[in-house]
Amino acid sequence: MAVGAVSSYSFSNITANHTIAASFAVKTYTVTSSAGVGGTITPAGTATVSSGSTKTYTIAPSTGYKIADVKVDGVSVSAVSTYTFSNITASHTIAASFVAIAGNVVFATNSGGSSFTDSTGVVYKADTAYSGGSINTVTASIAGTVDDVLYQKYRYGNFSYNVALPNGPYSVVLKFADNMYLGTRVFDVKMEGVTVLSNFDIFSKAGNNNAYNVTIPVNVADGTLNLSFISKIGSAKINGFVIKTR
């Protein structure tokens, strides 16, 4: 007859033979790990560990980032790349945060196109993090650049990009080439809800099939860079963009 997980048991008024047997289980705890944007922590998630055991975590920043801080049970242990829990006798948490390295490219995408590495070594992701719009490709040569492929594909219409980034200051390099409208394309560009290009006309700036880049500073405060394109005459468009820390 089981009497439960008791720490003591008394036989009273004994009038027969009895047996008593105890069984034991190793006590377990949890260690929960998490990482912010800009890097990873391994192993990730919640792990169940035995009492008295040891568990090691590795923290690694992504390209363009460095470790900002690591907190264990809510208390900073500085920007360490590894941390070991020894002789575990309670549940724990470990959380890593990261910060972008100034001047580094942290995101680039080839709008409307596939993955592409430009002549300076910047790797553009295949078009990603967008909402809305359509894509198109032209075959004309693009003046003012050796990276014609980047400026021959584009996203157009009314659309947006939402890129997850650690909070902080960035520079966004918008890459344009007018391929069709010959002066009848006018649109606005917003970053973080603020109009940064108003009544923008690529053709009036650079003519047809010429690369034209615009660099705009922006501060991210909510973990996401919001970039919107609003058509006014013809269709708004973008060929690609690069985000750098500053």
C-alpha atoms as a PDB file:
ATOM      1  CA  MET A   1       0.000   0.000   0.000  1.00  0.00           C
ATOM      2  CA  ALA A   2       1.461   3.331  -1.092  1.00  0.00           C
ATOM      3  CA  VAL A   3       1.444   6.052   1.541  1.00  0.00           C
ATOM      4  CA  GLY A   4       2.850   8.819  -0.658  1.00  0.00           C
ATOM      5  CA  ALA A   5       6.147  10.703  -0.609  1.00  0.00           C
ATOM      6  CA  VAL A   6       6.377  10.935   3.170  1.00  0.00           C
ATOM      7  CA  SER A   7       9.578  11.599   5.084  1.00  0.00           C
ATOM      8  CA  SER A   8       8.505   9.475   8.069  1.00  0.00           C
ATOM      9  CA  TYR A   9       6.025   6.679   8.831  1.00  0.00           C
ATOM     10  CA  SER A  10       4.964   5.089  12.123  1.00  0.00           C
ATOM     11  CA  PHE A  11       3.517   1.649  12.706  1.00  0.00           C
ATOM     12  CA  SER A  12       1.074   1.745  15.622  1.00  0.00           C
ATOM     13  CA  ASN A  13      -0.327  -1.107  17.722  1.00  0.00           C
ATOM     14  CA  ILE A  14       1.656  -3.671  15.775  1.00  0.00           C
ATOM     15  CA  THR A  15      -0.095  -7.084  15.717  1.00  0.00           C
ATOM     16  CA  ALA A  16       1.484  -8.582  12.603  1.00  0.00           C
ATOM     17  CA  ASN A  17       4.631  -8.549  10.482  1.00  0.00           C
ATOM     18  CA  HIS A  18       5.041  -5.578   8.137  1.00  0.00           C
ATOM     19  CA  THR A  19       7.392  -4.344   5.384  1.00  0.00           C
ATOM     20  CA  ILE A  20       8.269  -0.793   4.445  1.00  0.00           C
ATOM     21  CA  ALA A  21      10.085   0.135   1.237  1.00  0.00           C
ATOM     22  CA  ALA A  22      11.181   3.573  -0.008  1.00  0.00           C
ATOM     23  CA  SER A  23      11.979   4.617  -3.578  1.00  0.00           C
ATOM     24  CA  PHE A  24      13.720   7.799  -4.669  1.00  0.00           C
ATOM     25  CA  ALA A  25      13.834  10.055  -7.748  1.00  0.00           C
ATOM     26  CA  VAL A  26      16.466  12.585  -8.708  1.00  0.00           C
ATOM     27  CA  LYS A  27      15.196  16.119  -8.163  1.00  0.00           C
ATOM     28  CA  THR A  28      15.124  18.217 -11.351  1.00  0.00           C
ATOM     29  CA  TYR A  29      15.173  21.923 -12.198  1.00  0.00           C
ATOM     30  CA  THR A  30      14.846  24.011 -15.354  1.00  0.00           C
ATOM     31  CA  VAL A  31      17.265  26.387 -17.047  1.00  0.00           C
ATOM     32  CA  THR A  32      15.618  28.729 -19.572  1.00  0.00           C
ATOM     33  CA  SER A  33      17.768  30.547 -22.136  1.00  0.00           C
ATOM     34  CA  SER A  34      16.876  33.359 -24.547  1.00  0.00           C
ATOM     35  CA  ALA A  35      18.664  35.647 -27.008  1.00  0.00           C
ATOM     36  CA  GLY A  36      17.729  39.028 -28.440  1.00  0.00           C
ATOM     37  CA  VAL A  37      18.091  40.122 -32.065  1.00  0.00           C
ATOM     38  CA  GLY A  38      21.669  39.979 -33.314  1.00  0.00           C
ATOM     39  CA  GLY A  39      22.910  36.640 -32.051  1.00  0.00           C
ATOM     40  CA  THR A  40      22.211  33.236 -30.550  1.00  0.00           C
ATOM     41  CA  ILE A  41      22.524  31.319 -27.317  1.00  0.00           C
ATOM     42  CA  THR A  42      23.123  27.564 -27.373  1.00  0.00           C
ATOM     43  CA  PRO A  43      21.358  25.494 -26.218  1.00  0.00           C
ATOM     44  CA  ALA A  44      18.188  27.546 -26.682  1.00  0.00           C
ATOM     45  CA  GLY A  45      14.894  27.256 -24.831  1.00  0.00           C
ATOM     46  CA  THR A  46      14.099  25.439 -21.597  1.00  0.00           C
ATOM     47  CA  ALA A  47      16.186  22.488 -20.449  1.00  0.00           C
ATOM     48  CA  THR A  48      15.415  20.122 -17.583  1.00  0.00           C
ATOM     49  CA  VAL A  49      18.482  19.276 -15.498  1.00  0.00           C
ATOM     50  CA  SER A  50      19.181  17.025 -12.536  1.00  0.00           C
ATOM     51  CA  SER A  51      20.051  18.388  -9.114  1.00  0.00           C
ATOM     52  CA  GLY A  52      23.782  18.875  -8.741  1.00  0.00           C
ATOM     53  CA  SER A  53      24.457  18.796 -12.477  1.00  0.00           C
ATOM     54  CA  THR A  54      26.411  21.239 -14.668  1.00  0.00           C
ATOM     55  CA  LYS A  55      25.213  22.985 -17.841  1.00  0.00           C
ATOM     56  CA  THR A  56      27.190  25.289 -20.143  1.00  0.00           C
ATOM     57  CA  TYR A  57      25.801  27.910 -22.542  1.00  0.00           C
ATOM     58  CA  THR A  58      27.526  29.501 -25.536  1.00  0.00           C
ATOM     59  CA  ILE A  59      26.657  33.019 -26.696  1.00  0.00           C
ATOM     60  CA  ALA A  60      27.519  34.035 -30.272  1.00  0.00           C
ATOM     61  CA  PRO A  61      26.851  37.357 -32.044  1.00  0.00           C
ATOM     62  CA  SER A  62      25.760  37.463 -35.688  1.00  0.00           C
ATOM     63  CA  THR A  63      27.863  39.232 -38.309  1.00  0.00           C
ATOM     64  CA  GLY A  64      27.898  42.968 -37.587  1.00  0.00           C
ATOM     65  CA  TYR A  65      26.981  42.569 -33.912  1.00  0.00           C
ATOM     66  CA  LYS A  66      28.721  42.081 -30.586  1.00  0.00           C
ATOM     67  CA  ILE A  67      27.510  40.784 -27.232  1.00  0.00           C
ATOM     68  CA  ALA A  68      26.061  43.641 -25.177  1.00  0.00           C
ATOM     69  CA  ASP A  69      25.270  41.771 -21.951  1.00  0.00           C
ATOM     70  CA  VAL A  70      24.380  38.409 -20.471  1.00  0.00           C
ATOM     71  CA  LYS A  71      22.026  38.231 -17.504  1.00  0.00           C
ATOM     72  CA  VAL A  72      21.692  35.218 -15.217  1.00  0.00           C
ATOM     73  CA  ASP A  73      18.536  35.218 -13.115  1.00  0.00           C
ATOM     74  CA  GLY A  74      18.124  38.879 -14.084  1.00  0.00           C
ATOM     75  CA  VAL A  75      21.599  39.927 -12.910  1.00  0.00           C
ATOM     76  CA  SER A  76      24.334  40.969 -15.360  1.00  0.00           C
ATOM     77  CA  VAL A  77      27.409  38.738 -15.626  1.00  0.00           C
ATOM     78  CA  SER A  78      28.911  41.053 -18.308  1.00  0.00           C
ATOM     79  CA  ALA A  79      29.344  40.369 -22.045  1.00  0.00           C
ATOM     80  CA  VAL A  80      30.607  36.803 -21.693  1.00  0.00           C
ATOM     81  CA  SER A  81      30.679  34.333 -24.581  1.00  0.00           C
ATOM     82  CA  THR A  82      30.149  31.268 -22.352  1.00  0.00           C
ATOM     83  CA  TYR A  83      28.520  30.681 -18.991  1.00  0.00           C
ATOM     84  CA  THR A  84      28.401  27.525 -16.886  1.00  0.00           C
ATOM     85  CA  PHE A  85      25.871  26.653 -14.195  1.00  0.00           C
ATOM     86  CA  SER A  86      27.588  24.357 -11.685  1.00  0.00           C
ATOM     87  CA  ASN A  87      26.048  22.171  -8.951  1.00  0.00           C
ATOM     88  CA  ILE A  88      22.522  23.223  -9.934  1.00  0.00           C
ATOM     89  CA  THR A  89      20.142  23.260  -6.965  1.00  0.00           C
ATOM     90  CA  ALA A  90      17.476  25.669  -8.275  1.00  0.00           C
ATOM     91  CA  SER A  91      15.864  26.753 -11.545  1.00  0.00           C
ATOM     92  CA  HIS A  92      17.633  29.522 -13.494  1.00  0.00           C
ATOM     93  CA  THR A  93      17.314  31.854 -16.482  1.00  0.00           C
ATOM     94  CA  ILE A  94      20.026  33.140 -18.796  1.00  0.00           C
ATOM     95  CA  ALA A  95      19.405  35.892 -21.369  1.00  0.00           C
ATOM     96  CA  ALA A  96      21.804  37.362 -23.939  1.00  0.00           C
ATOM     97  CA  SER A  97      21.486  40.740 -25.659  1.00  0.00           C
ATOM     98  CA  PHE A  98      23.442  42.085 -28.604  1.00  0.00           C
ATOM     99  CA  VAL A  99      24.338  45.458 -30.120  1.00  0.00           C
ATOM    100  CA  ALA A 100      25.346  46.336 -33.660  1.00  0.00           C
ATOM    101  CA  ILE A 101      28.964  47.314 -34.339  1.00  0.00           C
ATOM    102  CA  ALA A 102      29.144  50.879 -35.685  1.00  0.00           C
ATOM    103  CA  GLY A 103      29.609  51.135 -39.453  1.00  0.00           C
ATOM    104  CA  ASN A 104      28.759  47.520 -40.216  1.00  0.00           C
ATOM    105  CA  VAL A 105      26.125  46.275 -42.604  1.00  0.00           C
ATOM    106  CA  VAL A 106      23.467  44.487 -40.545  1.00  0.00           C
ATOM    107  CA  PHE A 107      20.858  43.910 -43.266  1.00  0.00           C
ATOM    108  CA  ALA A 108      20.663  44.096 -47.060  1.00  0.00           C
ATOM    109  CA  THR A 109      18.012  42.839 -49.453  1.00  0.00           C
ATOM    110  CA  ASN A 110      17.723  42.666 -53.233  1.00  0.00           C
ATOM    111  CA  SER A 111      14.158  43.906 -53.688  1.00  0.00           C
ATOM    112  CA  GLY A 112      12.289  41.717 -56.156  1.00  0.00           C
ATOM    113  CA  GLY A 113      15.355  39.549 -56.696  1.00  0.00           C
ATOM    114  CA  SER A 114      17.373  36.645 -55.404  1.00  0.00           C
ATOM    115  CA  SER A 115      20.425  36.591 -53.134  1.00  0.00           C
ATOM    116  CA  PHE A 116      23.246  38.711 -54.550  1.00  0.00           C
ATOM    117  CA  THR A 117      26.765  39.720 -53.519  1.00  0.00           C
ATOM    118  CA  ASP A 118      27.794  43.139 -54.806  1.00  0.00           C
ATOM    119  CA  SER A 119      31.215  44.331 -55.939  1.00  0.00           C
ATOM    120  CA  THR A 120      32.119  45.504 -52.411  1.00  0.00           C
ATOM    121  CA  GLY A 121      31.272  42.155 -50.833  1.00  0.00           C
ATOM    122  CA  VAL A 122      27.920  43.129 -49.331  1.00  0.00           C
ATOM    123  CA  VAL A 123      25.615  40.107 -49.351  1.00  0.00           C
ATOM    124  CA  TYR A 124      22.003  40.940 -50.196  1.00  0.00           C
ATOM    125  CA  LYS A 125      19.323  38.528 -49.055  1.00  0.00           C
ATOM    126  CA  ALA A 126      16.715  37.397 -51.549  1.00  0.00           C
ATOM    127  CA  ASP A 127      13.813  39.845 -51.260  1.00  0.00           C
ATOM    128  CA  THR A 128      12.492  39.469 -47.716  1.00  0.00           C
ATOM    129  CA  ALA A 129      10.640  41.168 -44.837  1.00  0.00           C
ATOM    130  CA  TYR A 130       8.211  42.859 -47.247  1.00  0.00           C
ATOM    131  CA  SER A 131       4.441  43.237 -47.323  1.00  0.00           C
ATOM    132  CA  GLY A 132       2.504  44.078 -50.486  1.00  0.00           C
ATOM    133  CA  GLY A 133       3.672  45.253 -53.877  1.00  0.00           C
ATOM    134  CA  SER A 134       4.696  43.378 -57.018  1.00  0.00           C
ATOM    135  CA  ILE A 135       8.048  42.562 -58.607  1.00  0.00           C
ATOM    136  CA  ASN A 136       9.534  43.101 -62.048  1.00  0.00           C
ATOM    137  CA  THR A 137      12.790  42.692 -63.968  1.00  0.00           C
ATOM    138  CA  VAL A 138      14.376  44.689 -66.791  1.00  0.00           C
ATOM    139  CA  THR A 139      17.339  43.694 -68.963  1.00  0.00           C
ATOM    140  CA  ALA A 140      18.705  47.162 -69.784  1.00  0.00           C
ATOM    141  CA  SER A 141      22.238  48.012 -68.688  1.00  0.00           C
ATOM    142  CA  ILE A 142      22.373  50.312 -65.664  1.00  0.00           C
ATOM    143  CA  ALA A 143      24.769  53.257 -65.721  1.00  0.00           C
ATOM    144  CA  GLY A 144      26.627  54.460 -62.634  1.00  0.00           C
ATOM    145  CA  THR A 145      27.242  50.999 -61.179  1.00  0.00           C
ATOM    146  CA  VAL A 146      28.994  47.718 -61.848  1.00  0.00           C
ATOM    147  CA  ASP A 147      26.229  45.903 -59.955  1.00  0.00           C
ATOM    148  CA  ASP A 148      23.660  45.990 -62.754  1.00  0.00           C
ATOM    149  CA  VAL A 149      21.859  42.894 -61.442  1.00  0.00           C
ATOM    150  CA  LEU A 150      20.860  44.726 -58.258  1.00  0.00           C
ATOM    151  CA  TYR A 151      19.224  47.567 -60.195  1.00  0.00           C
ATOM    152  CA  GLN A 152      17.490  45.427 -62.813  1.00  0.00           C
ATOM    153  CA  LYS A 153      15.041  43.843 -60.357  1.00  0.00           C
ATOM    154  CA  TYR A 154      12.644  45.762 -58.166  1.00  0.00           C
ATOM    155  CA  ARG A 155       9.523  45.793 -56.011  1.00  0.00           C
ATOM    156  CA  TYR A 156       6.847  48.326 -56.949  1.00  0.00           C
ATOM    157  CA  GLY A 157       3.380  49.579 -55.974  1.00  0.00           C
ATOM    158  CA  ASN A 158       2.313  50.370 -52.415  1.00  0.00           C
ATOM    159  CA  PHE A 159       4.354  48.201 -50.079  1.00  0.00           C
ATOM    160  CA  SER A 160       6.416  48.123 -46.909  1.00  0.00           C
ATOM    161  CA  TYR A 161       9.384  46.421 -45.285  1.00  0.00           C
ATOM    162  CA  ASN A 162       9.596  45.573 -41.589  1.00  0.00           C
ATOM    163  CA  VAL A 163      13.086  44.565 -40.498  1.00  0.00           C
ATOM    164  CA  ALA A 164      13.790  43.305 -36.961  1.00  0.00           C
ATOM    165  CA  LEU A 165      16.774  45.188 -35.495  1.00  0.00           C
ATOM    166  CA  PRO A 166      18.160  45.960 -32.054  1.00  0.00           C
ATOM    167  CA  ASN A 167      17.255  49.480 -30.965  1.00  0.00           C
ATOM    168  CA  GLY A 168      19.765  52.127 -31.970  1.00  0.00           C
ATOM    169  CA  PRO A 169      20.917  54.498 -34.713  1.00  0.00           C
ATOM    170  CA  TYR A 170      21.260  53.311 -38.324  1.00  0.00           C
ATOM    171  CA  SER A 171      21.853  54.590 -41.832  1.00  0.00           C
ATOM    172  CA  VAL A 172      19.620  53.193 -44.569  1.00  0.00           C
ATOM    173  CA  VAL A 173      20.955  53.258 -48.136  1.00  0.00           C
ATOM    174  CA  LEU A 174      18.012  53.156 -50.558  1.00  0.00           C
ATOM    175  CA  LYS A 175      18.956  51.971 -54.046  1.00  0.00           C
ATOM    176  CA  PHE A 176      16.959  53.164 -57.051  1.00  0.00           C
ATOM    177  CA  ALA A 177      17.017  53.108 -60.843  1.00  0.00           C
ATOM    178  CA  ASP A 178      14.072  54.370 -62.922  1.00  0.00           C
ATOM    179  CA  ASN A 179      13.500  51.837 -65.686  1.00  0.00           C
ATOM    180  CA  MET A 180      10.109  52.702 -67.185  1.00  0.00           C
ATOM    181  CA  TYR A 181       8.304  55.846 -66.166  1.00  0.00           C
ATOM    182  CA  LEU A 182      10.522  58.547 -67.698  1.00  0.00           C
ATOM    183  CA  GLY A 183       9.449  61.282 -65.334  1.00  0.00           C
ATOM    184  CA  THR A 184       5.946  60.116 -64.430  1.00  0.00           C
ATOM    185  CA  ARG A 185       6.815  58.238 -61.231  1.00  0.00           C
ATOM    186  CA  VAL A 186       6.389  60.194 -57.995  1.00  0.00           C
ATOM    187  CA  PHE A 187       6.152  58.674 -54.516  1.00  0.00           C
ATOM    188  CA  ASP A 188       6.839  59.129 -50.809  1.00  0.00           C
ATOM    189  CA  VAL A 189       9.077  57.048 -48.570  1.00  0.00           C
ATOM    190  CA  LYS A 190       8.497  56.771 -44.827  1.00  0.00           C
ATOM    191  CA  MET A 191      10.783  55.388 -42.129  1.00  0.00           C
ATOM    192  CA  GLU A 192       9.392  54.743 -38.664  1.00  0.00           C
ATOM    193  CA  GLY A 193       6.237  56.582 -39.754  1.00  0.00           C
ATOM    194  CA  VAL A 194       8.137  59.750 -40.738  1.00  0.00           C
ATOM    195  CA  THR A 195       8.257  60.908 -44.372  1.00  0.00           C
ATOM    196  CA  VAL A 196      11.934  60.950 -45.368  1.00  0.00           C
ATOM    197  CA  LEU A 197      11.418  61.376 -49.129  1.00  0.00           C
ATOM    198  CA  SER A 198       8.468  63.468 -50.294  1.00  0.00           C
ATOM    199  CA  ASN A 199       7.267  63.580 -53.907  1.00  0.00           C
ATOM    200  CA  PHE A 200      10.382  61.665 -54.866  1.00  0.00           C
ATOM    201  CA  ASP A 201      11.043  61.401 -58.624  1.00  0.00           C
ATOM    202  CA  ILE A 202      13.941  59.102 -59.536  1.00  0.00           C
ATOM    203  CA  PHE A 203      14.024  60.231 -63.165  1.00  0.00           C
ATOM    204  CA  SER A 204      14.419  63.903 -62.224  1.00  0.00           C
ATOM    205  CA  LYS A 205      17.408  62.957 -60.040  1.00  0.00           C
ATOM    206  CA  ALA A 206      19.224  60.497 -62.278  1.00  0.00           C
ATOM    207  CA  GLY A 207      17.449  59.993 -65.603  1.00  0.00           C
ATOM    208  CA  ASN A 208      16.559  56.593 -66.982  1.00  0.00           C
ATOM    209  CA  ASN A 209      18.468  53.380 -66.187  1.00  0.00           C
ATOM    210  CA  ASN A 210      20.950  55.134 -63.916  1.00  0.00           C
ATOM    211  CA  ALA A 211      21.773  53.946 -60.402  1.00  0.00           C
ATOM    212  CA  TYR A 212      20.810  56.479 -57.734  1.00  0.00           C
ATOM    213  CA  ASN A 213      21.349  55.903 -54.007  1.00  0.00           C
ATOM    214  CA  VAL A 214      19.949  57.896 -51.109  1.00  0.00           C
ATOM    215  CA  THR A 215      21.325  57.508 -47.553  1.00  0.00           C
ATOM    216  CA  ILE A 216      18.988  58.398 -44.689  1.00  0.00           C
ATOM    217  CA  PRO A 217      19.698  58.257 -40.926  1.00  0.00           C
ATOM    218  CA  VAL A 218      17.066  56.671 -38.695  1.00  0.00           C
ATOM    219  CA  ASN A 219      16.685  55.617 -35.062  1.00  0.00           C
ATOM    220  CA  VAL A 220      14.969  52.344 -34.146  1.00  0.00           C
ATOM    221  CA  ALA A 221      13.255  52.329 -30.757  1.00  0.00           C
ATOM    222  CA  ASP A 222      10.781  49.428 -30.981  1.00  0.00           C
ATOM    223  CA  GLY A 223      12.914  46.556 -32.307  1.00  0.00           C
ATOM    224  CA  THR A 224      11.700  46.936 -35.910  1.00  0.00           C
ATOM    225  CA  LEU A 225      12.627  49.286 -38.743  1.00  0.00           C
ATOM    226  CA  ASN A 226       9.441  50.144 -40.626  1.00  0.00           C
ATOM    227  CA  LEU A 227       9.949  51.306 -44.214  1.00  0.00           C
ATOM    228  CA  SER A 228       6.933  52.281 -46.356  1.00  0.00           C
ATOM    229  CA  PHE A 229       6.553  53.255 -50.025  1.00  0.00           C
ATOM    230  CA  ILE A 230       3.472  55.242 -51.058  1.00  0.00           C
ATOM    231  CA  SER A 231       2.624  55.749 -54.737  1.00  0.00           C
ATOM    232  CA  LYS A 232       1.414  59.223 -55.810  1.00  0.00           C
ATOM    233  CA  ILE A 233       1.955  59.247 -59.583  1.00  0.00           C
ATOM    234  CA  GLY A 234       2.703  55.898 -61.204  1.00  0.00           C
ATOM    235  CA  SER A 235       4.142  53.277 -58.858  1.00  0.00           C
ATOM    236  CA  ALA A 236       6.616  53.627 -56.008  1.00  0.00           C
ATOM    237  CA  LYS A 237       9.605  51.320 -56.362  1.00  0.00           C
ATOM    238  CA  ILE A 238      12.854  50.190 -54.750  1.00  0.00           C
ATOM    239  CA  ASN A 239      15.654  48.055 -56.190  1.00  0.00           C
ATOM    240  CA  GLY A 240      17.241  47.209 -52.875  1.00  0.00           C
ATOM    241  CA  PHE A 241      18.465  48.678 -49.630  1.00  0.00           C
ATOM    242  CA  VAL A 242      21.249  48.324 -47.081  1.00  0.00           C
ATOM    243  CA  ILE A 243      21.085  49.037 -43.351  1.00  0.00           C
ATOM    244  CA  LYS A 244      24.299  50.062 -41.588  1.00  0.00           C
ATOM    245  CA  THR A 245      24.976  50.959 -37.992  1.00  0.00           C
ATOM    246  CA  ARG A 246      26.196  54.454 -37.175  1.00  0.00           C
END
